[in-house]
Amino acid sequence: MVALNEVPRRSYTDGATPLEHLQRLSAELGGPQIWIKRDDQLGLTQGGNKTRKLEYLIADALNQGADALITVGGVQSNHCRLTLSAARVEGLDCHLIVEEDLGPEGTALGPAGSNPPEYTGNFLLFDLLGANSVTVLG
């Protein structure tokens, strides 16, 4: 078995994430002191724990000589946003397969390949960060 510190890893985090004491919740529960680890404050577009996973996956891709990353996710996928961000940091091309949700009775919320009603948030960032994306009906 390989020790975790021997596995190749890229660094996309800005150091340790802070712990925040949840005073009101602790008081409401009447005893235990509750703390939350703020992984939402990690670097690479506020990635949370997905950033930690990508540090290993991207290192493996680079070690294998990859020049592009391909991933799949929903219109507002945080994983797609983070993969695209990591690709840009590493100078890699990135292809996203974006699954567009079907509305009631199996109708598309917007035509595949168009700017659906969800053209905000992560889906908008995919465009701004220059992703090569294909929208498919999910």
N, C-alpha and C. Protein backbone atom coordinates (compact mmCIF):
# COMPACT_ATOMS: atom_id res chain seq x y z
N MET A 1 0.85 -1.17 0.00
CA MET A 1 0.00 0.00 0.00
C MET A 1 0.90 1.25 0.00
N VAL A 2 0.53 2.23 -0.79
CA VAL A 2 1.29 3.47 -0.90
C VAL A 2 0.78 4.47 0.14
N ALA A 3 1.71 5.13 0.81
CA ALA A 3 1.33 6.18 1.76
C ALA A 3 0.75 7.37 1.00
N LEU A 4 -0.27 7.99 1.57
CA LEU A 4 -0.95 9.10 0.89
C LEU A 4 0.01 10.22 0.53
N ASN A 5 1.00 10.49 1.38
CA ASN A 5 1.93 11.59 1.08
C ASN A 5 2.90 11.24 -0.05
N GLU A 6 2.86 10.00 -0.55
CA GLU A 6 3.69 9.61 -1.68
C GLU A 6 2.93 9.64 -3.00
N VAL A 7 1.63 9.87 -2.95
CA VAL A 7 0.81 9.93 -4.16
C VAL A 7 0.98 11.32 -4.77
N PRO A 8 1.27 11.40 -6.08
CA PRO A 8 1.43 12.71 -6.72
C PRO A 8 0.19 13.58 -6.52
N ARG A 9 0.46 14.87 -6.29
CA ARG A 9 -0.64 15.79 -5.97
C ARG A 9 -0.29 17.19 -6.47
N ARG A 10 -1.25 17.87 -7.03
CA ARG A 10 -1.12 19.29 -7.35
C ARG A 10 -1.63 20.07 -6.15
N SER A 11 -1.36 21.35 -6.10
CA SER A 11 -1.82 22.16 -4.97
C SER A 11 -2.71 23.29 -5.46
N TYR A 12 -4.00 23.16 -5.17
CA TYR A 12 -4.97 24.20 -5.54
C TYR A 12 -5.59 24.86 -4.32
N THR A 13 -5.23 24.42 -3.15
CA THR A 13 -5.80 24.99 -1.93
C THR A 13 -4.88 26.07 -1.39
N ASP A 14 -5.45 27.00 -0.67
CA ASP A 14 -4.68 28.11 -0.10
C ASP A 14 -4.34 27.82 1.36
N GLY A 15 -3.86 26.62 1.64
CA GLY A 15 -3.52 26.27 3.01
C GLY A 15 -4.70 25.67 3.74
N ALA A 16 -4.60 25.68 5.05
CA ALA A 16 -5.65 25.09 5.88
C ALA A 16 -6.92 25.94 5.82
N THR A 17 -8.04 25.26 5.85
CA THR A 17 -9.31 25.98 5.90
C THR A 17 -9.65 26.27 7.35
N PRO A 18 -10.28 27.40 7.61
CA PRO A 18 -10.58 27.76 8.99
C PRO A 18 -11.69 26.90 9.60
N LEU A 19 -11.64 26.82 10.91
CA LEU A 19 -12.72 26.21 11.68
C LEU A 19 -13.54 27.34 12.26
N GLU A 20 -14.86 27.20 12.20
CA GLU A 20 -15.74 28.24 12.72
C GLU A 20 -16.62 27.64 13.81
N HIS A 21 -16.60 28.29 14.96
CA HIS A 21 -17.41 27.83 16.09
C HIS A 21 -18.85 28.25 15.87
N LEU A 22 -19.76 27.31 15.94
CA LEU A 22 -21.18 27.59 15.77
C LEU A 22 -21.80 27.77 17.15
N GLN A 23 -21.65 28.97 17.69
CA GLN A 23 -22.04 29.25 19.07
C GLN A 23 -23.52 29.05 19.31
N ARG A 24 -24.35 29.57 18.42
CA ARG A 24 -25.81 29.46 18.64
C ARG A 24 -26.28 28.01 18.56
N LEU A 25 -25.76 27.25 17.61
CA LEU A 25 -26.13 25.84 17.51
C LEU A 25 -25.64 25.07 18.74
N SER A 26 -24.43 25.38 19.18
CA SER A 26 -23.90 24.74 20.39
C SER A 26 -24.81 25.02 21.58
N ALA A 27 -25.23 26.28 21.71
CA ALA A 27 -26.11 26.66 22.83
C ALA A 27 -27.47 25.98 22.70
N GLU A 28 -28.00 25.92 21.48
CA GLU A 28 -29.30 25.29 21.25
C GLU A 28 -29.28 23.81 21.62
N LEU A 29 -28.16 23.16 21.34
CA LEU A 29 -28.03 21.73 21.66
C LEU A 29 -27.72 21.49 23.13
N GLY A 30 -27.37 22.55 23.84
CA GLY A 30 -27.19 22.46 25.28
C GLY A 30 -25.99 21.67 25.76
N GLY A 31 -24.92 21.71 25.07
CA GLY A 31 -23.76 21.00 25.60
C GLY A 31 -22.59 20.89 24.65
N PRO A 32 -22.73 20.11 23.60
CA PRO A 32 -21.55 19.91 22.74
C PRO A 32 -21.18 21.21 22.03
N GLN A 33 -19.88 21.42 21.90
CA GLN A 33 -19.39 22.58 21.16
C GLN A 33 -19.25 22.16 19.70
N ILE A 34 -20.00 22.82 18.84
CA ILE A 34 -20.04 22.45 17.42
C ILE A 34 -19.16 23.40 16.61
N TRP A 35 -18.31 22.81 15.81
CA TRP A 35 -17.41 23.54 14.92
C TRP A 35 -17.63 23.03 13.50
N ILE A 36 -17.42 23.90 12.53
CA ILE A 36 -17.55 23.50 11.13
C ILE A 36 -16.26 23.88 10.40
N LYS A 37 -15.79 22.95 9.58
CA LYS A 37 -14.60 23.19 8.76
C LYS A 37 -15.06 23.88 7.48
N ARG A 38 -14.51 25.03 7.17
CA ARG A 38 -14.98 25.87 6.08
C ARG A 38 -14.25 25.55 4.76
N ASP A 39 -14.48 24.33 4.24
CA ASP A 39 -13.89 23.97 2.96
C ASP A 39 -14.44 24.80 1.81
N ASP A 40 -15.55 25.50 2.04
CA ASP A 40 -16.07 26.39 0.99
C ASP A 40 -15.13 27.56 0.74
N GLN A 41 -14.13 27.75 1.60
CA GLN A 41 -13.20 28.86 1.43
C GLN A 41 -11.87 28.42 0.80
N LEU A 42 -11.83 27.21 0.26
CA LEU A 42 -10.63 26.76 -0.44
C LEU A 42 -10.44 27.57 -1.72
N GLY A 43 -9.24 27.58 -2.22
CA GLY A 43 -8.95 28.26 -3.47
C GLY A 43 -9.60 27.56 -4.65
N LEU A 44 -9.25 27.94 -5.85
CA LEU A 44 -9.76 27.37 -7.09
C LEU A 44 -11.27 27.53 -7.17
N THR A 45 -11.73 28.72 -7.20
CA THR A 45 -13.15 29.09 -7.32
C THR A 45 -14.02 28.49 -6.22
N GLN A 46 -13.55 28.59 -5.00
CA GLN A 46 -14.34 28.19 -3.81
C GLN A 46 -14.86 26.77 -3.92
N GLY A 47 -13.96 25.82 -4.08
CA GLY A 47 -14.34 24.47 -4.45
C GLY A 47 -14.79 23.50 -3.41
N GLY A 48 -14.59 23.78 -2.15
CA GLY A 48 -14.97 22.78 -1.17
C GLY A 48 -14.14 21.52 -1.31
N ASN A 49 -14.68 20.41 -0.84
CA ASN A 49 -13.91 19.17 -0.83
C ASN A 49 -13.59 18.64 -2.23
N LYS A 50 -14.30 19.07 -3.24
CA LYS A 50 -14.02 18.62 -4.61
C LYS A 50 -12.63 19.08 -5.06
N THR A 51 -12.17 20.21 -4.53
CA THR A 51 -10.84 20.71 -4.86
C THR A 51 -9.79 19.71 -4.42
N ARG A 52 -9.94 19.16 -3.23
CA ARG A 52 -8.97 18.19 -2.72
C ARG A 52 -8.89 16.96 -3.63
N LYS A 53 -10.03 16.48 -4.09
CA LYS A 53 -10.06 15.33 -4.99
C LYS A 53 -9.33 15.64 -6.29
N LEU A 54 -9.59 16.82 -6.84
CA LEU A 54 -8.98 17.19 -8.11
C LEU A 54 -7.47 17.32 -8.02
N GLU A 55 -6.94 17.66 -6.85
CA GLU A 55 -5.48 17.77 -6.71
C GLU A 55 -4.81 16.45 -7.09
N TYR A 56 -5.43 15.34 -6.76
CA TYR A 56 -4.88 14.02 -7.08
C TYR A 56 -5.22 13.60 -8.51
N LEU A 57 -6.44 13.85 -8.94
CA LEU A 57 -6.84 13.45 -10.29
C LEU A 57 -6.06 14.19 -11.37
N ILE A 58 -5.86 15.49 -11.17
CA ILE A 58 -5.13 16.29 -12.17
C ILE A 58 -3.66 15.89 -12.19
N ALA A 59 -3.07 15.64 -11.02
CA ALA A 59 -1.67 15.19 -10.97
C ALA A 59 -1.51 13.89 -11.75
N ASP A 60 -2.45 12.97 -11.59
CA ASP A 60 -2.41 11.70 -12.32
C ASP A 60 -2.53 11.94 -13.82
N ALA A 61 -3.44 12.81 -14.22
CA ALA A 61 -3.61 13.12 -15.65
C ALA A 61 -2.33 13.72 -16.23
N LEU A 62 -1.72 14.64 -15.52
CA LEU A 62 -0.48 15.26 -15.99
C LEU A 62 0.65 14.24 -16.08
N ASN A 63 0.74 13.36 -15.10
CA ASN A 63 1.78 12.33 -15.11
C ASN A 63 1.61 11.36 -16.29
N GLN A 64 0.39 11.23 -16.78
CA GLN A 64 0.13 10.37 -17.93
C GLN A 64 0.24 11.13 -19.25
N GLY A 65 0.61 12.42 -19.18
CA GLY A 65 0.81 13.20 -20.39
C GLY A 65 -0.45 13.78 -21.00
N ALA A 66 -1.51 13.88 -20.23
CA ALA A 66 -2.77 14.43 -20.75
C ALA A 66 -2.59 15.89 -21.17
N ASP A 67 -3.27 16.27 -22.25
CA ASP A 67 -3.28 17.67 -22.65
C ASP A 67 -4.69 18.25 -22.60
N ALA A 68 -5.65 17.43 -22.17
CA ALA A 68 -7.04 17.87 -22.05
C ALA A 68 -7.73 17.06 -20.96
N LEU A 69 -8.74 17.67 -20.38
CA LEU A 69 -9.59 17.01 -19.39
C LEU A 69 -11.00 16.95 -19.94
N ILE A 70 -11.70 15.86 -19.66
CA ILE A 70 -13.10 15.70 -20.07
C ILE A 70 -13.88 15.28 -18.84
N THR A 71 -15.00 15.94 -18.59
CA THR A 71 -15.85 15.54 -17.47
C THR A 71 -17.31 15.82 -17.82
N VAL A 72 -18.19 15.31 -17.00
CA VAL A 72 -19.63 15.46 -17.24
C VAL A 72 -20.31 15.91 -15.97
N GLY A 73 -21.35 16.72 -16.13
CA GLY A 73 -22.12 17.18 -14.98
C GLY A 73 -23.32 17.98 -15.42
N GLY A 74 -24.11 18.38 -14.47
CA GLY A 74 -25.31 19.16 -14.75
C GLY A 74 -24.98 20.59 -15.12
N VAL A 75 -26.01 21.31 -15.52
CA VAL A 75 -25.88 22.70 -15.96
C VAL A 75 -25.17 23.56 -14.90
N GLN A 76 -25.42 23.30 -13.64
CA GLN A 76 -24.81 24.10 -12.57
C GLN A 76 -23.78 23.28 -11.77
N SER A 77 -23.10 22.35 -12.42
CA SER A 77 -22.18 21.43 -11.75
C SER A 77 -20.96 22.15 -11.16
N ASN A 78 -20.79 22.01 -9.85
CA ASN A 78 -19.58 22.52 -9.21
C ASN A 78 -18.36 21.73 -9.65
N HIS A 79 -18.52 20.42 -9.82
CA HIS A 79 -17.40 19.59 -10.28
C HIS A 79 -16.90 20.07 -11.64
N CYS A 80 -17.81 20.35 -12.57
CA CYS A 80 -17.40 20.84 -13.89
C CYS A 80 -16.68 22.18 -13.76
N ARG A 81 -17.21 23.08 -12.93
CA ARG A 81 -16.58 24.39 -12.75
C ARG A 81 -15.16 24.24 -12.22
N LEU A 82 -14.98 23.37 -11.24
CA LEU A 82 -13.66 23.19 -10.64
C LEU A 82 -12.69 22.49 -11.58
N THR A 83 -13.18 21.50 -12.33
CA THR A 83 -12.32 20.83 -13.30
C THR A 83 -11.85 21.81 -14.36
N LEU A 84 -12.76 22.64 -14.84
CA LEU A 84 -12.41 23.67 -15.82
C LEU A 84 -11.40 24.66 -15.24
N SER A 85 -11.59 25.07 -14.01
CA SER A 85 -10.66 26.01 -13.36
C SER A 85 -9.28 25.38 -13.23
N ALA A 86 -9.22 24.12 -12.81
CA ALA A 86 -7.93 23.44 -12.67
C ALA A 86 -7.26 23.29 -14.03
N ALA A 87 -8.05 22.99 -15.06
CA ALA A 87 -7.49 22.88 -16.41
C ALA A 87 -6.85 24.20 -16.83
N ARG A 88 -7.53 25.31 -16.54
CA ARG A 88 -6.98 26.62 -16.90
C ARG A 88 -5.69 26.91 -16.14
N VAL A 89 -5.63 26.55 -14.86
CA VAL A 89 -4.42 26.74 -14.06
C VAL A 89 -3.26 25.95 -14.67
N GLU A 90 -3.55 24.74 -15.14
CA GLU A 90 -2.51 23.85 -15.66
C GLU A 90 -2.24 24.03 -17.15
N GLY A 91 -2.99 24.90 -17.82
CA GLY A 91 -2.79 25.11 -19.25
C GLY A 91 -3.33 23.96 -20.09
N LEU A 92 -4.32 23.25 -19.57
CA LEU A 92 -4.93 22.13 -20.29
C LEU A 92 -6.22 22.56 -20.96
N ASP A 93 -6.55 21.89 -22.04
CA ASP A 93 -7.85 22.08 -22.67
C ASP A 93 -8.88 21.38 -21.79
N CYS A 94 -10.13 21.80 -21.85
CA CYS A 94 -11.16 21.18 -21.03
C CYS A 94 -12.45 21.05 -21.83
N HIS A 95 -13.00 19.85 -21.82
CA HIS A 95 -14.25 19.55 -22.50
C HIS A 95 -15.29 19.15 -21.46
N LEU A 96 -16.40 19.84 -21.46
CA LEU A 96 -17.49 19.56 -20.53
C LEU A 96 -18.67 18.99 -21.28
N ILE A 97 -19.20 17.90 -20.77
CA ILE A 97 -20.47 17.37 -21.27
C ILE A 97 -21.50 17.78 -20.25
N VAL A 98 -22.32 18.76 -20.61
CA VAL A 98 -23.27 19.37 -19.67
C VAL A 98 -24.64 18.75 -19.89
N GLU A 99 -25.17 18.14 -18.84
CA GLU A 99 -26.49 17.52 -18.92
C GLU A 99 -27.56 18.55 -18.58
N GLU A 100 -28.43 18.78 -19.54
CA GLU A 100 -29.53 19.72 -19.32
C GLU A 100 -30.73 18.93 -18.81
N ASP A 101 -31.30 19.38 -17.72
CA ASP A 101 -32.45 18.68 -17.12
C ASP A 101 -33.66 18.74 -18.03
N LEU A 102 -34.44 17.68 -17.95
CA LEU A 102 -35.72 17.67 -18.66
C LEU A 102 -36.79 18.22 -17.74
N GLY A 103 -37.68 18.99 -18.30
CA GLY A 103 -38.78 19.55 -17.53
C GLY A 103 -39.92 18.56 -17.42
N PRO A 104 -41.09 19.06 -17.05
CA PRO A 104 -42.27 18.19 -16.95
C PRO A 104 -42.56 17.49 -18.28
N GLU A 105 -42.98 16.27 -18.18
CA GLU A 105 -43.38 15.48 -19.35
C GLU A 105 -42.23 15.28 -20.34
N GLY A 106 -40.98 15.31 -19.84
CA GLY A 106 -39.84 15.01 -20.69
C GLY A 106 -39.45 16.07 -21.68
N THR A 107 -39.96 17.29 -21.53
CA THR A 107 -39.59 18.36 -22.45
C THR A 107 -38.35 19.06 -21.94
N ALA A 108 -37.51 19.49 -22.87
CA ALA A 108 -36.29 20.18 -22.48
C ALA A 108 -36.62 21.55 -21.92
N LEU A 109 -35.86 21.96 -20.93
CA LEU A 109 -36.04 23.30 -20.37
C LEU A 109 -35.54 24.37 -21.33
N GLY A 110 -34.72 24.00 -22.26
CA GLY A 110 -34.20 24.87 -23.30
C GLY A 110 -33.59 23.98 -24.36
N PRO A 111 -33.59 24.36 -25.63
CA PRO A 111 -33.05 23.50 -26.67
C PRO A 111 -31.59 23.15 -26.40
N ALA A 112 -31.22 21.91 -26.60
CA ALA A 112 -29.83 21.49 -26.41
C ALA A 112 -28.93 22.37 -27.27
N GLY A 113 -27.84 22.83 -26.69
CA GLY A 113 -26.91 23.69 -27.40
C GLY A 113 -27.27 25.16 -27.35
N SER A 114 -28.40 25.50 -26.76
CA SER A 114 -28.80 26.91 -26.65
C SER A 114 -28.43 27.43 -25.27
N ASN A 115 -28.75 28.66 -25.02
CA ASN A 115 -28.59 29.22 -23.68
C ASN A 115 -29.88 28.98 -22.93
N PRO A 116 -29.93 27.92 -22.10
CA PRO A 116 -31.16 27.61 -21.39
C PRO A 116 -31.45 28.65 -20.32
N PRO A 117 -32.60 28.55 -19.68
CA PRO A 117 -32.96 29.51 -18.63
C PRO A 117 -31.92 29.57 -17.52
N GLU A 118 -31.13 28.52 -17.36
CA GLU A 118 -30.13 28.47 -16.29
C GLU A 118 -28.80 29.09 -16.71
N TYR A 119 -28.78 29.99 -17.69
CA TYR A 119 -27.54 30.59 -18.17
C TYR A 119 -27.04 31.62 -17.15
N THR A 120 -26.81 31.13 -15.97
CA THR A 120 -26.30 31.93 -14.86
C THR A 120 -25.34 31.03 -14.08
N GLY A 121 -24.77 31.55 -13.03
CA GLY A 121 -23.95 30.74 -12.13
C GLY A 121 -22.86 29.97 -12.85
N ASN A 122 -22.74 28.69 -12.51
CA ASN A 122 -21.68 27.86 -13.08
C ASN A 122 -21.78 27.75 -14.59
N PHE A 123 -22.99 27.62 -15.11
CA PHE A 123 -23.14 27.48 -16.56
C PHE A 123 -22.58 28.71 -17.27
N LEU A 124 -22.81 29.87 -16.71
CA LEU A 124 -22.25 31.10 -17.27
C LEU A 124 -20.72 31.10 -17.14
N LEU A 125 -20.21 30.64 -16.00
CA LEU A 125 -18.76 30.57 -15.81
C LEU A 125 -18.10 29.62 -16.80
N PHE A 126 -18.78 28.53 -17.17
CA PHE A 126 -18.22 27.62 -18.17
C PHE A 126 -17.89 28.41 -19.44
N ASP A 127 -18.81 29.26 -19.84
CA ASP A 127 -18.62 30.07 -21.05
C ASP A 127 -17.51 31.10 -20.85
N LEU A 128 -17.54 31.78 -19.72
CA LEU A 128 -16.54 32.82 -19.46
C LEU A 128 -15.12 32.26 -19.37
N LEU A 129 -14.99 31.03 -18.86
CA LEU A 129 -13.67 30.40 -18.74
C LEU A 129 -13.26 29.66 -20.00
N GLY A 130 -14.11 29.73 -21.02
CA GLY A 130 -13.75 29.18 -22.33
C GLY A 130 -13.81 27.67 -22.43
N ALA A 131 -14.77 27.05 -21.79
CA ALA A 131 -14.91 25.60 -21.89
C ALA A 131 -15.37 25.19 -23.27
N ASN A 132 -14.88 24.06 -23.72
CA ASN A 132 -15.45 23.41 -24.89
C ASN A 132 -16.56 22.54 -24.34
N SER A 133 -17.80 22.94 -24.53
CA SER A 133 -18.88 22.19 -23.90
C SER A 133 -19.91 21.74 -24.93
N VAL A 134 -20.51 20.62 -24.61
CA VAL A 134 -21.60 20.06 -25.39
C VAL A 134 -22.74 19.88 -24.42
N THR A 135 -23.91 20.39 -24.75
CA THR A 135 -25.08 20.23 -23.90
C THR A 135 -25.90 19.06 -24.42
N VAL A 136 -26.21 18.14 -23.51
CA VAL A 136 -27.02 16.98 -23.87
C VAL A 136 -28.24 16.95 -22.95
N LEU A 137 -29.28 16.32 -23.41
CA LEU A 137 -30.48 16.18 -22.58
C LEU A 137 -30.25 15.04 -21.59
N GLY A 138 -30.51 15.33 -20.29
CA GLY A 138 -30.24 14.35 -19.25
C GLY A 138 -31.43 13.57 -18.83
